[in-house]
Protein backbone atom coordinates (compact mmCIF):
# COMPACT_ATOMS: atom_id res chain seq x y z
CA MET A 1 -36.64 14.94 -9.72
CA SER A 2 -36.07 17.66 -12.29
CA THR A 3 -32.63 18.37 -13.70
CA ALA A 4 -32.61 21.70 -11.84
CA ASP A 5 -33.32 19.95 -8.52
CA VAL A 6 -30.54 17.45 -9.16
CA ALA A 7 -28.15 20.27 -10.04
CA VAL A 8 -28.94 21.98 -6.72
CA LEU A 9 -28.17 18.75 -4.83
CA GLY A 10 -24.79 18.45 -6.55
CA ALA A 11 -23.98 22.11 -5.91
CA VAL A 12 -24.81 21.86 -2.20
CA ALA A 13 -22.74 18.70 -1.72
CA GLY A 14 -19.78 20.23 -3.56
CA PHE A 15 -19.98 23.71 -2.00
CA THR A 16 -19.22 22.48 1.52
CA ILE A 17 -15.60 21.98 0.45
CA PHE A 18 -15.24 25.75 0.87
CA LEU A 19 -16.05 25.55 4.60
CA GLY A 20 -12.64 24.17 5.51
CA LEU A 21 -10.55 26.25 3.10
CA PRO A 22 -10.43 29.62 4.95
CA ILE A 23 -8.23 28.13 7.67
CA GLY A 24 -5.47 28.35 5.08
CA ARG A 25 -5.48 32.11 5.64
CA VAL A 26 -4.91 31.82 9.40
CA GLU A 27 -1.43 32.73 10.61
CA MET A 28 0.11 30.21 13.01
CA GLN A 29 3.50 30.54 14.61
CA ASN A 30 3.47 27.42 16.78
CA VAL A 31 5.44 24.71 14.96
CA ARG A 32 3.80 21.93 16.96
CA VAL A 33 0.33 23.11 15.96
CA LYS A 34 1.33 23.37 12.32
CA THR A 35 2.81 19.88 12.44
CA LEU A 36 -0.40 18.55 13.98
CA LEU A 37 -2.48 20.20 11.25
CA ASN A 38 -0.27 18.66 8.58
CA GLY A 39 -0.84 15.27 10.20
CA ILE A 40 -4.62 15.81 10.41
CA SER A 41 -4.61 16.56 6.70
CA ALA A 42 -2.77 13.29 6.03
CA GLY A 43 -5.19 11.43 8.30
CA ILE A 44 -8.24 12.73 6.47
CA LEU A 45 -6.70 11.67 3.17
CA ALA A 46 -5.72 8.28 4.62
CA PHE A 47 -9.35 7.63 5.54
CA LEU A 48 -10.47 8.72 2.09
CA LEU A 49 -7.98 6.29 0.56
CA VAL A 50 -9.34 3.40 2.63
CA ASP A 51 -12.92 4.40 1.87
CA ILE A 52 -12.29 4.81 -1.87
CA LEU A 53 -10.52 1.47 -2.26
CA ALA A 54 -13.25 -0.26 -0.25
CA ASN A 55 -15.95 1.14 -2.54
CA ALA A 56 -14.05 0.20 -5.69
CA GLY A 57 -13.29 -3.22 -4.22
CA ASP A 58 -16.98 -3.82 -3.52
CA VAL A 59 -17.69 -3.36 -7.22
CA LEU A 60 -15.01 -5.90 -8.14
CA ASP A 61 -16.25 -8.37 -5.52
CA GLY A 62 -19.79 -8.08 -6.83
CA SER A 63 -18.64 -8.54 -10.41
CA LEU A 64 -16.60 -11.63 -9.47
CA ALA A 65 -19.52 -13.16 -7.57
CA ALA A 66 -21.79 -12.52 -10.54
CA ALA A 67 -19.30 -14.12 -12.94
CA GLN A 68 -19.02 -17.21 -10.72
CA SER A 69 -22.82 -17.49 -10.78
CA GLY A 70 -22.99 -17.54 -14.55
CA GLY A 71 -22.47 -13.87 -15.26
CA SER A 72 -19.94 -12.21 -17.52
CA TRP A 73 -16.25 -12.87 -16.97
CA VAL A 74 -15.52 -10.21 -19.58
CA ARG A 75 -17.20 -7.62 -17.40
CA PHE A 76 -15.13 -8.73 -14.38
CA ALA A 77 -11.92 -8.61 -16.41
CA GLY A 78 -12.79 -5.16 -17.74
CA LEU A 79 -13.47 -3.79 -14.27
CA THR A 80 -10.25 -5.33 -12.95
CA LEU A 81 -8.23 -3.69 -15.72
CA CYS A 82 -10.04 -0.41 -15.11
CA TYR A 83 -9.16 -0.65 -11.41
CA GLY A 84 -5.46 -1.32 -12.02
CA PHE A 85 -5.13 1.24 -14.81
CA GLY A 86 -6.86 3.98 -12.84
CA LEU A 87 -4.71 3.38 -9.76
CA ALA A 88 -1.51 3.36 -11.82
CA VAL A 89 -2.37 6.56 -13.71
CA GLY A 90 -3.46 8.38 -10.55
CA LEU A 91 -0.28 7.47 -8.69
CA MET A 92 2.46 7.51 -11.33
CA SER A 93 1.25 10.52 -13.33
CA LEU A 94 1.88 12.77 -10.33
CA LEU A 95 5.38 11.37 -9.98
CA TYR A 96 6.29 12.12 -13.58
CA VAL A 97 4.56 15.50 -13.60
CA GLY A 98 6.66 16.46 -10.57
CA LYS A 99 9.81 15.28 -12.32
CA ALA A 100 8.92 17.29 -15.42
CA ILE A 101 8.43 20.45 -13.35
CA ARG A 102 11.80 19.99 -11.65
CA ARG A 103 13.53 19.40 -15.00
CA ARG A 104 11.95 22.57 -16.38
CA ARG A 105 13.24 24.57 -13.45
CA ALA A 106 16.70 23.07 -13.79
CA SER A 107 16.80 24.14 -17.45
CA ILE A 108 16.14 27.78 -16.61
CA GLY A 109 19.72 28.47 -15.63
CA PRO A 110 22.40 28.06 -12.96
CA GLY A 111 20.26 29.83 -10.41
CA ALA A 112 17.43 27.33 -10.64
CA MET A 113 18.75 25.10 -7.85
CA ALA A 114 19.18 28.11 -5.60
CA PHE A 115 15.64 29.19 -6.47
CA ALA A 116 14.27 25.90 -5.21
CA GLU A 117 15.77 26.66 -1.80
CA THR A 118 14.29 30.17 -1.55
CA ALA A 119 11.04 31.09 0.16
CA VAL A 120 9.47 31.64 -3.27
CA GLY A 121 10.49 28.15 -4.39
CA ARG A 122 9.14 26.53 -1.23
CA ARG A 123 5.90 28.47 -1.60
CA GLU A 124 5.40 27.21 -5.15
CA GLU A 125 6.13 23.62 -4.10
CA ALA A 126 3.62 23.82 -1.24
CA LEU A 127 0.93 25.39 -3.42
CA HIS A 128 1.51 22.74 -6.08
CA LEU A 129 1.16 19.96 -3.48
CA ALA A 130 -2.04 21.49 -2.08
CA MET A 131 -3.56 21.84 -5.55
CA THR A 132 -2.63 18.22 -6.23
CA ILE A 133 -4.59 17.28 -3.11
CA ALA A 134 -7.55 19.31 -4.45
CA ALA A 135 -7.35 17.48 -7.78
CA GLY A 136 -7.25 14.06 -6.10
CA ILE A 137 -10.22 14.95 -3.92
CA GLY A 138 -12.02 16.26 -7.01
CA LEU A 139 -11.69 12.88 -8.72
CA HIS A 140 -13.10 11.23 -5.63
CA ASN A 141 -15.94 13.74 -5.39
CA PHE A 142 -16.89 13.10 -9.01
CA SER A 143 -17.70 9.51 -8.04
CA GLU A 144 -19.73 10.82 -5.09
CA GLY A 145 -21.64 13.03 -7.50
CA LEU A 146 -22.34 9.99 -9.67
CA ALA A 147 -23.87 8.25 -6.65
CA ILE A 148 -26.11 11.24 -5.88
CA GLY A 149 -27.18 11.57 -9.52
CA GLN A 150 -27.93 7.88 -9.89
CA ALA A 151 -30.04 7.89 -6.72
CA ALA A 152 -31.99 10.89 -8.02
CA HIS A 153 -32.40 9.24 -11.43
CA ALA A 154 -33.95 6.21 -9.74
CA ASP A 155 -36.38 8.57 -7.92
CA GLU A 156 -34.86 7.58 -4.57
CA VAL A 157 -35.20 11.14 -3.30
CA SER A 158 -34.61 10.36 0.38
CA LEU A 159 -31.42 8.45 -0.43
CA ALA A 160 -30.18 11.27 -2.65
CA LEU A 161 -30.77 13.80 0.13
CA LEU A 162 -28.99 11.62 2.70
CA LEU A 163 -26.05 11.25 0.35
CA VAL A 164 -25.89 15.02 -0.06
CA VAL A 165 -25.79 15.49 3.73
CA GLY A 166 -23.17 12.79 4.25
CA PHE A 167 -20.95 13.79 1.34
CA GLY A 168 -21.35 17.43 2.36
CA LEU A 169 -19.91 16.62 5.79
CA HIS A 170 -17.11 14.69 4.11
CA ASN A 171 -16.28 17.62 1.85
CA ALA A 172 -16.17 20.06 4.76
CA THR A 173 -13.30 18.08 6.31
CA GLU A 174 -11.66 17.59 2.91
CA GLY A 175 -11.40 21.37 2.51
CA PHE A 176 -9.15 21.43 5.52
CA GLY A 177 -7.19 18.52 4.09
CA ILE A 178 -6.26 20.72 1.14
CA VAL A 179 -4.85 23.62 3.13
CA GLY A 180 -3.28 21.57 5.94
CA PRO A 181 0.16 21.38 4.29
CA LEU A 182 0.03 25.11 3.54
CA VAL A 183 -0.54 25.89 7.20
CA ALA A 184 2.33 23.58 8.10
CA ALA A 185 4.60 25.42 5.65
CA ASP A 186 3.47 28.81 7.03
CA ILE A 187 2.04 29.83 3.66
CA ARG A 188 -1.10 31.94 3.30
CA PRO A 189 -2.66 31.40 -0.13
CA ALA A 190 -4.55 34.19 -1.86
CA TRP A 191 -8.33 34.11 -1.69
CA SER A 192 -8.40 33.60 -5.45
CA TRP A 193 -6.22 30.49 -5.02
CA LEU A 194 -8.60 29.14 -2.37
CA VAL A 195 -11.58 29.71 -4.68
CA LEU A 196 -9.79 27.85 -7.49
CA ALA A 197 -8.87 24.98 -5.17
CA GLY A 198 -12.48 24.78 -4.01
CA LEU A 199 -13.74 24.60 -7.58
CA VAL A 200 -11.17 21.93 -8.49
CA ALA A 201 -12.11 19.79 -5.48
CA GLY A 202 -15.83 20.51 -5.17
CA GLY A 203 -16.86 21.24 -8.75
CA PRO A 204 -16.64 17.59 -9.85
CA THR A 205 -19.38 16.72 -7.33
CA PHE A 206 -21.73 19.00 -9.25
CA PHE A 207 -20.79 17.64 -12.68
CA GLY A 208 -20.80 14.05 -11.43
CA THR A 209 -24.34 14.55 -10.13
CA LEU A 210 -25.54 15.79 -13.51
CA ILE A 211 -23.83 12.93 -15.36
CA GLY A 212 -25.04 10.33 -12.86
CA ASN A 213 -28.59 11.56 -13.38
CA SER A 214 -28.39 10.84 -17.10
CA ILE A 215 -26.10 7.83 -17.49
CA SER A 216 -24.97 4.94 -15.31
CA SER A 217 -21.57 3.35 -15.93
CA VAL A 218 -19.85 1.20 -13.36
CA TYR A 219 -16.63 1.51 -15.38
CA VAL A 220 -16.64 5.29 -15.03
CA PHE A 221 -17.37 4.92 -11.32
CA VAL A 222 -14.43 2.56 -10.74
CA ALA A 223 -12.10 4.58 -12.97
CA PHE A 224 -12.62 7.82 -11.05
CA LEU A 225 -12.41 6.09 -7.69
CA THR A 226 -9.07 4.48 -8.50
CA LEU A 227 -7.67 7.62 -10.15
CA ALA A 228 -8.47 9.45 -6.92
CA ALA A 229 -6.94 6.66 -4.84
CA GLY A 230 -3.67 6.80 -6.76
CA ALA A 231 -3.42 10.58 -6.48
CA ILE A 232 -4.25 10.56 -2.77
CA LEU A 233 -1.72 7.79 -2.10
CA TYR A 234 1.00 9.92 -3.71
CA VAL A 235 0.02 12.99 -1.67
CA ILE A 236 -0.04 11.07 1.62
CA GLY A 237 3.57 10.09 0.97
CA GLU A 238 4.48 13.75 0.47
CA LEU A 239 2.70 14.80 3.66
CA PHE A 240 4.42 12.06 5.64
CA SER A 241 7.75 13.29 4.32
CA VAL A 242 6.99 16.78 5.65
CA GLY A 243 5.79 15.32 8.95
CA ARG A 244 9.01 13.37 9.47
CA ARG A 245 11.05 16.55 9.05
CA LEU A 246 8.93 18.40 11.61
CA SER A 247 7.95 15.82 14.26
CA TRP A 248 6.94 12.25 13.49
CA GLU A 249 5.26 11.80 16.87
CA ILE A 250 3.01 14.86 16.51
CA THR A 251 2.34 13.96 12.88
CA LEU A 252 1.05 10.52 13.85
CA TRP A 253 -1.25 12.04 16.46
CA GLY A 254 -2.56 14.31 13.73
CA VAL A 255 -3.05 11.35 11.39
CA LEU A 256 -5.08 9.58 14.09
CA ILE A 257 -7.28 12.65 14.64
CA GLY A 258 -7.79 13.21 10.91
CA PHE A 259 -8.65 9.56 10.29
CA LEU A 260 -11.22 9.59 13.09
CA LEU A 261 -12.75 12.80 11.70
CA GLY A 262 -13.18 11.09 8.35
CA LEU A 263 -14.62 8.01 10.03
CA GLY A 264 -17.09 10.15 11.94
CA THR A 265 -18.54 11.68 8.78
CA GLU A 266 -18.74 8.23 7.19
CA LEU A 267 -20.71 6.90 10.15
CA VAL A 268 -23.26 9.67 9.65
CA ILE A 269 -24.00 8.23 6.21
CA VAL A 270 -24.14 4.66 7.53
CA ALA A 271 -26.40 5.63 10.44
CA ALA A 272 -28.77 7.30 7.99
CA GLY A 273 -29.06 4.02 6.10
CA ALA A 274 -27.40 5.41 2.95
């Protein structure tokens, strides 16, 4: 496949993230519905977390089996360190970034604490959380792009196309996962914000496809998977916190629905033999 053809594949797989984003502009007054949507968002991310860690774990398992059969223990150790480091950075960096933002607000003046309680303060917090979700999904989608690019590089055209279809379905649900907490907080983001979130979450699929078509590095693959896993794990905790304040029962129903939606798109890929 030509570079242009590969670029089109990456663009198509990444663009579908925009399909779920417009729901963030829909006004909803029913608190139960908003709580359910927040839970669905958490469920989609929970499935992604399981899927990501399973894929990264498969790489480690394969490396360990190879080392036990006379392969390189250095390679296994390197991948293990990459796994742990990526997970730690993805999870803890968001914690400390959040702390830094709160310290900056506290240093503005005596009204900073009051600001955090205002509608403007809550809006900024919700938008920051949603963009964090987009960034975590973007890291995950970069690894998906690598898979598409590597399949194309190996001239496995049918596999590359199946991956585009499967990942495209995944990304369509992930778009909703980004705006779910905004709907729950009754916040309507600007169209420009939605476009930016879509580029942050979907753009890495495009770039990952181009990179995967030219180079192949299992270390890069594992690093981006675990960075995404750490970020998504942090965000799930935040969404659960919101869900507990609204309705834990409805939130858990939403989590179940979101997880099954993610599973459904995954089964499409498996059924296609990809």
